[in-house]
């Protein structure tokens, strides 16, 4: 069980404001990683390839819908901006 949990950590956050410029390729990669982890299959054989690919497409579609429906609050966006500024070198920050 713990081996599978570690694999899920490879899926990056796609939600704004934590991610910028998320592409369909990003969503597909996350869905692919999810289906691989849940199914316990890295590369599907011919007998399950169709089901595997359908699952990846279904997860991709639901992920795009979820991302489209999530709203970013001003607090979340402001907190992220403050965190990014805090990580920048002092010379790069002009106030």
C-alpha atoms as a PDB file:
ATOM      1  CA  UNK A   1       0.000   0.000   0.000  1.00  0.00           C
ATOM      2  CA  UNK A   2       2.699   2.525   0.899  1.00  0.00           C
ATOM      3  CA  UNK A   3       4.489   1.897  -2.395  1.00  0.00           C
ATOM      4  CA  UNK A   4       1.400   3.104  -4.305  1.00  0.00           C
ATOM      5  CA  UNK A   5       1.015   6.178  -2.096  1.00  0.00           C
ATOM      6  CA  UNK A   6       4.542   7.296  -3.014  1.00  0.00           C
ATOM      7  CA  UNK A   7       3.678   7.156  -6.712  1.00  0.00           C
ATOM      8  CA  UNK A   8       0.765   9.540  -6.236  1.00  0.00           C
ATOM      9  CA  UNK A   9       3.186  12.197  -4.971  1.00  0.00           C
ATOM     10  CA  UNK A  10       4.462  12.603  -8.545  1.00  0.00           C
ATOM     11  CA  UNK A  11       1.233  14.287  -9.610  1.00  0.00           C
ATOM     12  CA  UNK A  12       1.781  18.034  -9.538  1.00  0.00           C
ATOM     13  CA  UNK A  13      -0.745  20.587  -8.369  1.00  0.00           C
ATOM     14  CA  UNK A  14      -2.700  21.954 -11.322  1.00  0.00           C
ATOM     15  CA  UNK A  15      -4.966  24.386  -9.486  1.00  0.00           C
ATOM     16  CA  UNK A  16      -4.541  28.133  -9.733  1.00  0.00           C
ATOM     17  CA  UNK A  17      -2.946  30.094  -8.169  1.00  0.00           C
ATOM     18  CA  UNK A  18      -0.472  27.324  -7.322  1.00  0.00           C
ATOM     19  CA  UNK A  19       0.054  26.447 -10.975  1.00  0.00           C
ATOM     20  CA  UNK A  20       0.201  28.807 -13.931  1.00  0.00           C
ATOM     21  CA  UNK A  21      -0.185  27.879 -17.579  1.00  0.00           C
ATOM     22  CA  UNK A  22      -1.585  24.388 -17.055  1.00  0.00           C
ATOM     23  CA  UNK A  23      -1.913  22.623 -20.418  1.00  0.00           C
ATOM     24  CA  UNK A  24      -3.928  19.645 -21.615  1.00  0.00           C
ATOM     25  CA  UNK A  25      -0.641  17.715 -21.554  1.00  0.00           C
ATOM     26  CA  UNK A  26      -0.295  18.490 -17.826  1.00  0.00           C
ATOM     27  CA  UNK A  27      -3.835  17.266 -17.161  1.00  0.00           C
ATOM     28  CA  UNK A  28      -3.263  14.126 -19.259  1.00  0.00           C
ATOM     29  CA  UNK A  29       0.017  13.361 -17.449  1.00  0.00           C
ATOM     30  CA  UNK A  30      -1.695  13.658 -14.064  1.00  0.00           C
ATOM     31  CA  UNK A  31      -4.549  11.407 -15.209  1.00  0.00           C
ATOM     32  CA  UNK A  32      -2.095   8.880 -16.625  1.00  0.00           C
ATOM     33  CA  UNK A  33      -0.146   8.780 -13.353  1.00  0.00           C
ATOM     34  CA  UNK A  34      -3.376   8.349 -11.394  1.00  0.00           C
ATOM     35  CA  UNK A  35      -4.618   5.455 -13.560  1.00  0.00           C
ATOM     36  CA  UNK A  36      -1.187   3.789 -13.465  1.00  0.00           C
ATOM     37  CA  UNK A  37      -1.112   4.005  -9.686  1.00  0.00           C
ATOM     38  CA  UNK A  38      -4.678   2.898  -9.062  1.00  0.00           C
ATOM     39  CA  UNK A  39      -4.479   0.101 -11.646  1.00  0.00           C
ATOM     40  CA  UNK A  40      -1.003  -0.995 -10.620  1.00  0.00           C
ATOM     41  CA  UNK A  41      -0.005  -1.018 -14.295  1.00  0.00           C
ATOM     42  CA  UNK A  42       2.774   1.045 -15.852  1.00  0.00           C
ATOM     43  CA  UNK A  43       2.211  -0.087 -19.439  1.00  0.00           C
ATOM     44  CA  UNK A  44      -1.073  -1.871 -20.132  1.00  0.00           C
ATOM     45  CA  UNK A  45      -1.094  -5.060 -22.158  1.00  0.00           C
ATOM     46  CA  UNK A  46      -3.294  -5.449 -25.221  1.00  0.00           C
ATOM     47  CA  UNK A  47      -6.034  -7.093 -23.170  1.00  0.00           C
ATOM     48  CA  UNK A  48      -6.584  -3.999 -20.961  1.00  0.00           C
ATOM     49  CA  UNK A  49      -5.233  -1.203 -23.165  1.00  0.00           C
ATOM     50  CA  UNK A  50      -8.672   0.042 -24.233  1.00  0.00           C
ATOM     51  CA  UNK A  51      -9.999   0.176 -20.651  1.00  0.00           C
ATOM     52  CA  UNK A  52      -6.767   1.843 -19.500  1.00  0.00           C
ATOM     53  CA  UNK A  53      -6.953   4.539 -22.208  1.00  0.00           C
ATOM     54  CA  UNK A  54     -10.655   5.154 -21.550  1.00  0.00           C
ATOM     55  CA  UNK A  55      -9.907   5.610 -17.853  1.00  0.00           C
ATOM     56  CA  UNK A  56      -7.139   8.132 -18.622  1.00  0.00           C
ATOM     57  CA  UNK A  57      -9.474  10.112 -20.898  1.00  0.00           C
ATOM     58  CA  UNK A  58     -12.305  10.041 -18.334  1.00  0.00           C
ATOM     59  CA  UNK A  59     -10.007  11.221 -15.518  1.00  0.00           C
ATOM     60  CA  UNK A  60      -8.601  13.952 -17.799  1.00  0.00           C
ATOM     61  CA  UNK A  61     -12.091  15.224 -18.627  1.00  0.00           C
ATOM     62  CA  UNK A  62     -13.206  15.267 -14.998  1.00  0.00           C
ATOM     63  CA  UNK A  63      -9.968  17.004 -13.971  1.00  0.00           C
ATOM     64  CA  UNK A  64     -10.459  19.756 -16.565  1.00  0.00           C
ATOM     65  CA  UNK A  65     -14.046  20.223 -15.342  1.00  0.00           C
ATOM     66  CA  UNK A  66     -12.902  20.389 -11.719  1.00  0.00           C
ATOM     67  CA  UNK A  67     -10.200  22.959 -12.485  1.00  0.00           C
ATOM     68  CA  UNK A  68     -12.690  25.083 -14.443  1.00  0.00           C
ATOM     69  CA  UNK A  69     -15.131  25.115 -11.517  1.00  0.00           C
ATOM     70  CA  UNK A  70     -12.665  25.890  -8.718  1.00  0.00           C
ATOM     71  CA  UNK A  71     -12.515  29.518  -7.711  1.00  0.00           C
ATOM     72  CA  UNK A  72      -9.422  31.209  -6.370  1.00  0.00           C
ATOM     73  CA  UNK A  73     -10.024  33.483  -3.419  1.00  0.00           C
ATOM     74  CA  UNK A  74      -8.144  36.735  -2.988  1.00  0.00           C
ATOM     75  CA  UNK A  75      -6.624  35.353   0.227  1.00  0.00           C
ATOM     76  CA  UNK A  76      -5.158  32.360  -1.621  1.00  0.00           C
ATOM     77  CA  UNK A  77      -3.760  34.479  -4.441  1.00  0.00           C
ATOM     78  CA  UNK A  78      -2.379  37.110  -2.060  1.00  0.00           C
ATOM     79  CA  UNK A  79      -0.785  34.486   0.169  1.00  0.00           C
ATOM     80  CA  UNK A  80       0.928  32.892  -2.807  1.00  0.00           C
ATOM     81  CA  UNK A  81       2.257  36.246  -4.013  1.00  0.00           C
ATOM     82  CA  UNK A  82       3.607  37.032  -0.528  1.00  0.00           C
ATOM     83  CA  UNK A  83       5.284  33.602  -0.353  1.00  0.00           C
ATOM     84  CA  UNK A  84       6.907  34.071  -3.765  1.00  0.00           C
ATOM     85  CA  UNK A  85       8.183  37.542  -2.863  1.00  0.00           C
ATOM     86  CA  UNK A  86       9.607  36.198   0.411  1.00  0.00           C
ATOM     87  CA  UNK A  87      11.651  33.616  -1.569  1.00  0.00           C
ATOM     88  CA  UNK A  88      13.089  36.173  -3.985  1.00  0.00           C
ATOM     89  CA  UNK A  89      16.565  37.611  -3.419  1.00  0.00           C
ATOM     90  CA  UNK A  90      16.429  41.036  -1.769  1.00  0.00           C
ATOM     91  CA  UNK A  91      18.009  42.723  -4.799  1.00  0.00           C
ATOM     92  CA  UNK A  92      15.166  41.514  -7.044  1.00  0.00           C
ATOM     93  CA  UNK A  93      12.425  42.961  -4.861  1.00  0.00           C
ATOM     94  CA  UNK A  94      11.691  46.654  -5.406  1.00  0.00           C
ATOM     95  CA  UNK A  95       9.203  48.301  -3.121  1.00  0.00           C
END
